[in-house]
Amino acid sequence: MTQKQDKTRVTVEIRNRSYTIVGDEDASHVRLVASLVDQKMREIHEMNPQLDTASLAVLTAINSMNDYLALKEDYASLLGSIKKERG
């Protein structure tokens, strides 16, 4: 039988609001992710100060996912290049 590991519980602040995050990642990772989300939300808010919190959150998610997909494509391209060089 596998032992169930305790979940990490971390309280973070994003846009001056506290959130308790529960998960498998260690606390420092959760704090880093929250800090990056907060930073991205602040950047978007500076460009669009009229946005309400919900719209700001959706735009932050869209921007973050776009960045993620671009990095994922770059990674796949690099892996392809490496395989060509070795093959």
PDB file of N, CA and C in Angstrom:
ATOM      1  N   MET A   1       0.824  -1.188   0.000  1.00  0.00           N
ATOM      2  CA  MET A   1       0.000   0.000   0.000  1.00  0.00           C
ATOM      3  C   MET A   1       0.871   1.256   0.000  1.00  0.00           C
ATOM      4  N   THR A   2       0.468   2.254  -0.747  1.00  0.00           N
ATOM      5  CA  THR A   2       1.226   3.505  -0.821  1.00  0.00           C
ATOM      6  C   THR A   2       0.812   4.425   0.312  1.00  0.00           C
ATOM      7  N   GLN A   3       1.799   5.107   0.856  1.00  0.00           N
ATOM      8  CA  GLN A   3       1.513   6.069   1.913  1.00  0.00           C
ATOM      9  C   GLN A   3       1.032   7.373   1.308  1.00  0.00           C
ATOM     10  N   LYS A   4      -0.037   7.915   1.857  1.00  0.00           N
ATOM     11  CA  LYS A   4      -0.543   9.191   1.373  1.00  0.00           C
ATOM     12  C   LYS A   4       0.327  10.310   1.936  1.00  0.00           C
ATOM     13  N   GLN A   5       0.818  11.164   1.034  1.00  0.00           N
ATOM     14  CA  GLN A   5       1.658  12.270   1.481  1.00  0.00           C
ATOM     15  C   GLN A   5       0.785  13.448   1.877  1.00  0.00           C
ATOM     16  N   ASP A   6       1.260  14.195   2.860  1.00  0.00           N
ATOM     17  CA  ASP A   6       0.541  15.390   3.282  1.00  0.00           C
ATOM     18  C   ASP A   6       0.617  16.445   2.196  1.00  0.00           C
ATOM     19  N   LYS A   7      -0.471  17.151   2.036  1.00  0.00           N
ATOM     20  CA  LYS A   7      -0.527  18.251   1.072  1.00  0.00           C
ATOM     21  C   LYS A   7       0.138  19.476   1.688  1.00  0.00           C
ATOM     22  N   THR A   8       0.734  20.276   0.831  1.00  0.00           N
ATOM     23  CA  THR A   8       1.310  21.545   1.272  1.00  0.00           C
ATOM     24  C   THR A   8       0.204  22.578   1.276  1.00  0.00           C
ATOM     25  N   ARG A   9       0.145  23.384   2.331  1.00  0.00           N
ATOM     26  CA  ARG A   9      -0.852  24.443   2.456  1.00  0.00           C
ATOM     27  C   ARG A   9      -0.091  25.747   2.620  1.00  0.00           C
ATOM     28  N   VAL A  10      -0.267  26.656   1.641  1.00  0.00           N
ATOM     29  CA  VAL A  10       0.477  27.912   1.640  1.00  0.00           C
ATOM     30  C   VAL A  10      -0.498  29.060   1.397  1.00  0.00           C
ATOM     31  N   THR A  11      -0.373  30.112   2.181  1.00  0.00           N
ATOM     32  CA  THR A  11      -1.168  31.311   1.945  1.00  0.00           C
ATOM     33  C   THR A  11      -0.305  32.304   1.187  1.00  0.00           C
ATOM     34  N   VAL A  12      -0.826  32.777   0.062  1.00  0.00           N
ATOM     35  CA  VAL A  12      -0.106  33.719  -0.799  1.00  0.00           C
ATOM     36  C   VAL A  12      -0.981  34.957  -0.991  1.00  0.00           C
ATOM     37  N   GLU A  13      -0.357  36.016  -1.469  1.00  0.00           N
ATOM     38  CA  GLU A  13      -1.102  37.232  -1.750  1.00  0.00           C
ATOM     39  C   GLU A  13      -0.952  37.580  -3.229  1.00  0.00           C
ATOM     40  N   ILE A  14      -2.094  37.764  -3.875  1.00  0.00           N
ATOM     41  CA  ILE A  14      -2.125  38.161  -5.280  1.00  0.00           C
ATOM     42  C   ILE A  14      -3.075  39.347  -5.387  1.00  0.00           C
ATOM     43  N   ARG A  15      -2.542  40.464  -5.896  1.00  0.00           N
ATOM     44  CA  ARG A  15      -3.325  41.692  -6.035  1.00  0.00           C
ATOM     45  C   ARG A  15      -3.994  42.085  -4.719  1.00  0.00           C
ATOM     46  N   ASN A  16      -3.198  42.033  -3.642  1.00  0.00           N
ATOM     47  CA  ASN A  16      -3.632  42.450  -2.304  1.00  0.00           C
ATOM     48  C   ASN A  16      -4.773  41.606  -1.741  1.00  0.00           C
ATOM     49  N   ARG A  17      -4.864  40.368  -2.187  1.00  0.00           N
ATOM     50  CA  ARG A  17      -5.872  39.460  -1.662  1.00  0.00           C
ATOM     51  C   ARG A  17      -5.192  38.145  -1.312  1.00  0.00           C
ATOM     52  N   SER A  18      -5.536  37.582  -0.161  1.00  0.00           N
ATOM     53  CA  SER A  18      -4.918  36.330   0.285  1.00  0.00           C
ATOM     54  C   SER A  18      -5.651  35.119  -0.272  1.00  0.00           C
ATOM     55  N   TYR A  19      -4.852  34.139  -0.674  1.00  0.00           N
ATOM     56  CA  TYR A  19      -5.383  32.867  -1.168  1.00  0.00           C
ATOM     57  C   TYR A  19      -4.615  31.753  -0.487  1.00  0.00           C
ATOM     58  N   THR A  20      -5.325  30.715  -0.053  1.00  0.00           N
ATOM     59  CA  THR A  20      -4.668  29.540   0.496  1.00  0.00           C
ATOM     60  C   THR A  20      -4.640  28.486  -0.594  1.00  0.00           C
ATOM     61  N   ILE A  21      -3.435  28.073  -0.938  1.00  0.00           N
ATOM     62  CA  ILE A  21      -3.215  27.080  -1.994  1.00  0.00           C
ATOM     63  C   ILE A  21      -2.847  25.758  -1.324  1.00  0.00           C
ATOM     64  N   VAL A  22      -3.535  24.699  -1.721  1.00  0.00           N
ATOM     65  CA  VAL A  22      -3.264  23.366  -1.186  1.00  0.00           C
ATOM     66  C   VAL A  22      -2.858  22.487  -2.357  1.00  0.00           C
ATOM     67  N   GLY A  23      -1.709  21.824  -2.232  1.00  0.00           N
ATOM     68  CA  GLY A  23      -1.259  20.975  -3.327  1.00  0.00           C
ATOM     69  C   GLY A  23      -0.045  20.150  -2.969  1.00  0.00           C
ATOM     70  N   ASP A  24       0.524  19.540  -3.988  1.00  0.00           N
ATOM     71  CA  ASP A  24       1.667  18.641  -3.801  1.00  0.00           C
ATOM     72  C   ASP A  24       3.015  19.344  -3.912  1.00  0.00           C
ATOM     73  N   GLU A  25       3.042  20.536  -4.489  1.00  0.00           N
ATOM     74  CA  GLU A  25       4.305  21.263  -4.660  1.00  0.00           C
ATOM     75  C   GLU A  25       4.784  21.822  -3.327  1.00  0.00           C
ATOM     76  N   ASP A  26       6.116  22.046  -3.230  1.00  0.00           N
ATOM     77  CA  ASP A  26       6.601  22.612  -1.976  1.00  0.00           C
ATOM     78  C   ASP A  26       6.257  24.104  -1.903  1.00  0.00           C
ATOM     79  N   ALA A  27       6.305  24.633  -0.696  1.00  0.00           N
ATOM     80  CA  ALA A  27       5.849  25.996  -0.422  1.00  0.00           C
ATOM     81  C   ALA A  27       6.595  27.038  -1.253  1.00  0.00           C
ATOM     82  N   SER A  28       7.892  26.873  -1.428  1.00  0.00           N
ATOM     83  CA  SER A  28       8.660  27.866  -2.185  1.00  0.00           C
ATOM     84  C   SER A  28       8.211  27.904  -3.653  1.00  0.00           C
ATOM     85  N   HIS A  29       7.866  26.764  -4.208  1.00  0.00           N
ATOM     86  CA  HIS A  29       7.377  26.719  -5.590  1.00  0.00           C
ATOM     87  C   HIS A  29       6.023  27.430  -5.700  1.00  0.00           C
ATOM     88  N   VAL A  30       5.132  27.164  -4.760  1.00  0.00           N
ATOM     89  CA  VAL A  30       3.809  27.798  -4.766  1.00  0.00           C
ATOM     90  C   VAL A  30       3.955  29.315  -4.640  1.00  0.00           C
ATOM     91  N   ARG A  31       4.845  29.762  -3.770  1.00  0.00           N
ATOM     92  CA  ARG A  31       5.069  31.206  -3.606  1.00  0.00           C
ATOM     93  C   ARG A  31       5.630  31.828  -4.890  1.00  0.00           C
ATOM     94  N   LEU A  32       6.520  31.129  -5.557  1.00  0.00           N
ATOM     95  CA  LEU A  32       7.081  31.624  -6.818  1.00  0.00           C
ATOM     96  C   LEU A  32       5.987  31.757  -7.872  1.00  0.00           C
ATOM     97  N   VAL A  33       5.171  30.729  -8.016  1.00  0.00           N
ATOM     98  CA  VAL A  33       4.081  30.769  -8.992  1.00  0.00           C
ATOM     99  C   VAL A  33       3.134  31.926  -8.683  1.00  0.00           C
ATOM    100  N   ALA A  34       2.759  32.076  -7.419  1.00  0.00           N
ATOM    101  CA  ALA A  34       1.855  33.166  -7.021  1.00  0.00           C
ATOM    102  C   ALA A  34       2.481  34.519  -7.316  1.00  0.00           C
ATOM    103  N   SER A  35       3.765  34.644  -7.064  1.00  0.00           N
ATOM    104  CA  SER A  35       4.467  35.896  -7.332  1.00  0.00           C
ATOM    105  C   SER A  35       4.464  36.228  -8.824  1.00  0.00           C
ATOM    106  N   LEU A  36       4.659  35.220  -9.661  1.00  0.00           N
ATOM    107  CA  LEU A  36       4.636  35.435 -11.108  1.00  0.00           C
ATOM    108  C   LEU A  36       3.240  35.809 -11.595  1.00  0.00           C
ATOM    109  N   VAL A  37       2.216  35.182 -11.030  1.00  0.00           N
ATOM    110  CA  VAL A  37       0.836  35.533 -11.381  1.00  0.00           C
ATOM    111  C   VAL A  37       0.552  36.974 -10.976  1.00  0.00           C
ATOM    112  N   ASP A  38       0.960  37.340  -9.766  1.00  0.00           N
ATOM    113  CA  ASP A  38       0.756  38.706  -9.278  1.00  0.00           C
ATOM    114  C   ASP A  38       1.465  39.711 -10.185  1.00  0.00           C
ATOM    115  N   GLN A  39       2.694  39.400 -10.558  1.00  0.00           N
ATOM    116  CA  GLN A  39       3.469  40.281 -11.437  1.00  0.00           C
ATOM    117  C   GLN A  39       2.790  40.442 -12.796  1.00  0.00           C
ATOM    118  N   LYS A  40       2.331  39.331 -13.385  1.00  0.00           N
ATOM    119  CA  LYS A  40       1.674  39.379 -14.691  1.00  0.00           C
ATOM    120  C   LYS A  40       0.373  40.180 -14.606  1.00  0.00           C
ATOM    121  N   MET A  41      -0.366  40.001 -13.523  1.00  0.00           N
ATOM    122  CA  MET A  41      -1.617  40.756 -13.357  1.00  0.00           C
ATOM    123  C   MET A  41      -1.334  42.247 -13.232  1.00  0.00           C
ATOM    124  N   ARG A  42      -0.288  42.596 -12.526  1.00  0.00           N
ATOM    125  CA  ARG A  42       0.068  44.012 -12.372  1.00  0.00           C
ATOM    126  C   ARG A  42       0.481  44.619 -13.722  1.00  0.00           C
ATOM    127  N   GLU A  43       1.251  43.866 -14.508  1.00  0.00           N
ATOM    128  CA  GLU A  43       1.670  44.341 -15.834  1.00  0.00           C
ATOM    129  C   GLU A  43       0.454  44.602 -16.724  1.00  0.00           C
ATOM    130  N   ILE A  44      -0.464  43.657 -16.745  1.00  0.00           N
ATOM    131  CA  ILE A  44      -1.657  43.800 -17.584  1.00  0.00           C
ATOM    132  C   ILE A  44      -2.528  44.948 -17.072  1.00  0.00           C
ATOM    133  N   HIS A  45      -2.630  45.073 -15.757  1.00  0.00           N
ATOM    134  CA  HIS A  45      -3.435  46.153 -15.177  1.00  0.00           C
ATOM    135  C   HIS A  45      -2.852  47.524 -15.516  1.00  0.00           C
ATOM    136  N   GLU A  46      -1.532  47.629 -15.554  1.00  0.00           N
ATOM    137  CA  GLU A  46      -0.900  48.904 -15.921  1.00  0.00           C
ATOM    138  C   GLU A  46      -1.273  49.313 -17.341  1.00  0.00           C
ATOM    139  N   MET A  47      -1.397  48.338 -18.243  1.00  0.00           N
ATOM    140  CA  MET A  47      -1.750  48.633 -19.630  1.00  0.00           C
ATOM    141  C   MET A  47      -3.257  48.841 -19.806  1.00  0.00           C
ATOM    142  N   ASN A  48      -4.052  48.269 -18.896  1.00  0.00           N
ATOM    143  CA  ASN A  48      -5.520  48.321 -18.986  1.00  0.00           C
ATOM    144  C   ASN A  48      -6.125  48.602 -17.617  1.00  0.00           C
ATOM    145  N   PRO A  49      -5.923  49.798 -17.054  1.00  0.00           N
ATOM    146  CA  PRO A  49      -6.367  50.065 -15.686  1.00  0.00           C
ATOM    147  C   PRO A  49      -7.882  50.007 -15.489  1.00  0.00           C
ATOM    148  N   GLN A  50      -8.648  50.021 -16.566  1.00  0.00           N
ATOM    149  CA  GLN A  50     -10.103  50.002 -16.444  1.00  0.00           C
ATOM    150  C   GLN A  50     -10.660  48.593 -16.220  1.00  0.00           C
ATOM    151  N   LEU A  51      -9.832  47.563 -16.365  1.00  0.00           N
ATOM    152  CA  LEU A  51     -10.312  46.184 -16.250  1.00  0.00           C
ATOM    153  C   LEU A  51     -10.766  45.847 -14.836  1.00  0.00           C
ATOM    154  N   ASP A  52     -11.892  45.132 -14.749  1.00  0.00           N
ATOM    155  CA  ASP A  52     -12.313  44.624 -13.442  1.00  0.00           C
ATOM    156  C   ASP A  52     -11.489  43.378 -13.124  1.00  0.00           C
ATOM    157  N   THR A  53     -11.594  42.897 -11.903  1.00  0.00           N
ATOM    158  CA  THR A  53     -10.757  41.782 -11.451  1.00  0.00           C
ATOM    159  C   THR A  53     -10.978  40.515 -12.281  1.00  0.00           C
ATOM    160  N   ALA A  54     -12.212  40.207 -12.609  1.00  0.00           N
ATOM    161  CA  ALA A  54     -12.494  38.989 -13.386  1.00  0.00           C
ATOM    162  C   ALA A  54     -11.867  39.078 -14.776  1.00  0.00           C
ATOM    163  N   SER A  55     -12.032  40.213 -15.441  1.00  0.00           N
ATOM    164  CA  SER A  55     -11.438  40.378 -16.776  1.00  0.00           C
ATOM    165  C   SER A  55      -9.926  40.336 -16.697  1.00  0.00           C
ATOM    166  N   LEU A  56      -9.374  40.951 -15.673  1.00  0.00           N
ATOM    167  CA  LEU A  56      -7.927  40.943 -15.468  1.00  0.00           C
ATOM    168  C   LEU A  56      -7.421  39.515 -15.271  1.00  0.00           C
ATOM    169  N   ALA A  57      -8.159  38.728 -14.490  1.00  0.00           N
ATOM    170  CA  ALA A  57      -7.766  37.338 -14.249  1.00  0.00           C
ATOM    171  C   ALA A  57      -7.813  36.520 -15.536  1.00  0.00           C
ATOM    172  N   VAL A  58      -8.862  36.717 -16.351  1.00  0.00           N
ATOM    173  CA  VAL A  58      -8.980  35.975 -17.610  1.00  0.00           C
ATOM    174  C   VAL A  58      -7.860  36.374 -18.567  1.00  0.00           C
ATOM    175  N   LEU A  59      -7.586  37.664 -18.693  1.00  0.00           N
ATOM    176  CA  LEU A  59      -6.495  38.100 -19.572  1.00  0.00           C
ATOM    177  C   LEU A  59      -5.153  37.572 -19.092  1.00  0.00           C
ATOM    178  N   THR A  60      -4.962  37.514 -17.795  1.00  0.00           N
ATOM    179  CA  THR A  60      -3.719  36.965 -17.236  1.00  0.00           C
ATOM    180  C   THR A  60      -3.603  35.488 -17.587  1.00  0.00           C
ATOM    181  N   ALA A  61      -4.694  34.748 -17.462  1.00  0.00           N
ATOM    182  CA  ALA A  61      -4.683  33.323 -17.807  1.00  0.00           C
ATOM    183  C   ALA A  61      -4.392  33.133 -19.291  1.00  0.00           C
ATOM    184  N   ILE A  62      -5.019  33.934 -20.144  1.00  0.00           N
ATOM    185  CA  ILE A  62      -4.799  33.825 -21.592  1.00  0.00           C
ATOM    186  C   ILE A  62      -3.347  34.149 -21.935  1.00  0.00           C
ATOM    187  N   ASN A  63      -2.814  35.225 -21.375  1.00  0.00           N
ATOM    188  CA  ASN A  63      -1.418  35.590 -21.629  1.00  0.00           C
ATOM    189  C   ASN A  63      -0.463  34.512 -21.131  1.00  0.00           C
ATOM    190  N   SER A  64      -0.731  33.981 -19.953  1.00  0.00           N
ATOM    191  CA  SER A  64       0.146  32.955 -19.380  1.00  0.00           C
ATOM    192  C   SER A  64       0.108  31.681 -20.211  1.00  0.00           C
ATOM    193  N   MET A  65      -1.080  31.283 -20.667  1.00  0.00           N
ATOM    194  CA  MET A  65      -1.193  30.078 -21.484  1.00  0.00           C
ATOM    195  C   MET A  65      -0.519  30.291 -22.840  1.00  0.00           C
ATOM    196  N   ASN A  66      -0.647  31.481 -23.393  1.00  0.00           N
ATOM    197  CA  ASN A  66       0.032  31.799 -24.647  1.00  0.00           C
ATOM    198  C   ASN A  66       1.550  31.677 -24.477  1.00  0.00           C
ATOM    199  N   ASP A  67       2.065  32.228 -23.391  1.00  0.00           N
ATOM    200  CA  ASP A  67       3.503  32.117 -23.106  1.00  0.00           C
ATOM    201  C   ASP A  67       3.911  30.654 -22.957  1.00  0.00           C
ATOM    202  N   TYR A  68       3.083  29.877 -22.251  1.00  0.00           N
ATOM    203  CA  TYR A  68       3.358  28.461 -22.032  1.00  0.00           C
ATOM    204  C   TYR A  68       3.415  27.706 -23.363  1.00  0.00           C
ATOM    205  N   LEU A  69       2.428  27.932 -24.221  1.00  0.00           N
ATOM    206  CA  LEU A  69       2.395  27.230 -25.509  1.00  0.00           C
ATOM    207  C   LEU A  69       3.575  27.615 -26.395  1.00  0.00           C
ATOM    208  N   ALA A  70       3.968  28.889 -26.357  1.00  0.00           N
ATOM    209  CA  ALA A  70       5.136  29.324 -27.136  1.00  0.00           C
ATOM    210  C   ALA A  70       6.398  28.613 -26.644  1.00  0.00           C
ATOM    211  N   LEU A  71       6.559  28.525 -25.332  1.00  0.00           N
ATOM    212  CA  LEU A  71       7.718  27.822 -24.768  1.00  0.00           C
ATOM    213  C   LEU A  71       7.675  26.330 -25.096  1.00  0.00           C
ATOM    214  N   LYS A  72       6.489  25.755 -25.056  1.00  0.00           N
ATOM    215  CA  LYS A  72       6.335  24.330 -25.366  1.00  0.00           C
ATOM    216  C   LYS A  72       6.721  24.062 -26.828  1.00  0.00           C
ATOM    217  N   GLU A  73       6.309  24.941 -27.734  1.00  0.00           N
ATOM    218  CA  GLU A  73       6.683  24.803 -29.143  1.00  0.00           C
ATOM    219  C   GLU A  73       8.190  24.955 -29.331  1.00  0.00           C
ATOM    220  N   ASP A  74       8.778  25.934 -28.650  1.00  0.00           N
ATOM    221  CA  ASP A  74      10.233  26.120 -28.723  1.00  0.00           C
ATOM    222  C   ASP A  74      10.966  24.883 -28.218  1.00  0.00           C
ATOM    223  N   TYR A  75      10.474  24.313 -27.135  1.00  0.00           N
ATOM    224  CA  TYR A  75      11.075  23.118 -26.555  1.00  0.00           C
ATOM    225  C   TYR A  75      11.001  21.947 -27.537  1.00  0.00           C
ATOM    226  N   ALA A  76       9.826  21.760 -28.149  1.00  0.00           N
ATOM    227  CA  ALA A  76       9.663  20.672 -29.122  1.00  0.00           C
ATOM    228  C   ALA A  76      10.591  20.881 -30.319  1.00  0.00           C
ATOM    229  N   SER A  77      10.730  22.118 -30.745  1.00  0.00           N
ATOM    230  CA  SER A  77      11.621  22.434 -31.862  1.00  0.00           C
ATOM    231  C   SER A  77      13.072  22.135 -31.497  1.00  0.00           C
ATOM    232  N   LEU A  78      13.473  22.522 -30.310  1.00  0.00           N
ATOM    233  CA  LEU A  78      14.837  22.235 -29.857  1.00  0.00           C
ATOM    234  C   LEU A  78      15.093  20.737 -29.760  1.00  0.00           C
ATOM    235  N   LEU A  79      14.110  19.993 -29.231  1.00  0.00           N
ATOM    236  CA  LEU A  79      14.268  18.543 -29.163  1.00  0.00           C
ATOM    237  C   LEU A  79      14.421  17.948 -30.557  1.00  0.00           C
ATOM    238  N   GLY A  80      13.625  18.454 -31.502  1.00  0.00           N
ATOM    239  CA  GLY A  80      13.735  17.992 -32.894  1.00  0.00           C
ATOM    240  C   GLY A  80      15.097  18.261 -33.468  1.00  0.00           C
ATOM    241  N   SER A  81      15.645  19.438 -33.181  1.00  0.00           N
ATOM    242  CA  SER A  81      16.985  19.792 -33.676  1.00  0.00           C
ATOM    243  C   SER A  81      18.047  18.882 -33.082  1.00  0.00           C
ATOM    244  N   ILE A  82      17.924  18.599 -31.820  1.00  0.00           N
ATOM    245  CA  ILE A  82      18.890  17.713 -31.145  1.00  0.00           C
ATOM    246  C   ILE A  82      18.840  16.327 -31.734  1.00  0.00           C
ATOM    247  N   LYS A  83      17.626  15.823 -31.967  1.00  0.00           N
ATOM    248  CA  LYS A  83      17.479  14.472 -32.550  1.00  0.00           C
ATOM    249  C   LYS A  83      18.066  14.406 -33.947  1.00  0.00           C
ATOM    250  N   LYS A  84      17.906  15.468 -34.741  1.00  0.00           N
ATOM    251  CA  LYS A  84      18.472  15.513 -36.097  1.00  0.00           C
ATOM    252  C   LYS A  84      19.994  15.483 -36.041  1.00  0.00           C
ATOM    253  N   GLU A  85      20.569  16.247 -35.077  1.00  0.00           N
ATOM    254  CA  GLU A  85      22.030  16.298 -34.955  1.00  0.00           C
ATOM    255  C   GLU A  85      22.588  14.946 -34.555  1.00  0.00           C
ATOM    256  N   ARG A  86      21.868  14.239 -33.689  1.00  0.00           N
ATOM    257  CA  ARG A  86      22.363  12.929 -33.207  1.00  0.00           C
ATOM    258  C   ARG A  86      22.083  11.829 -34.212  1.00  0.00           C
ATOM    259  N   GLY A  87      21.061  11.997 -35.024  1.00  0.00           N
ATOM    260  CA  GLY A  87      20.625  10.926 -35.933  1.00  0.00           C
ATOM    261  C   GLY A  87      21.391  10.920 -37.173  1.00  0.00           C
TER     262      GLY A  87
END
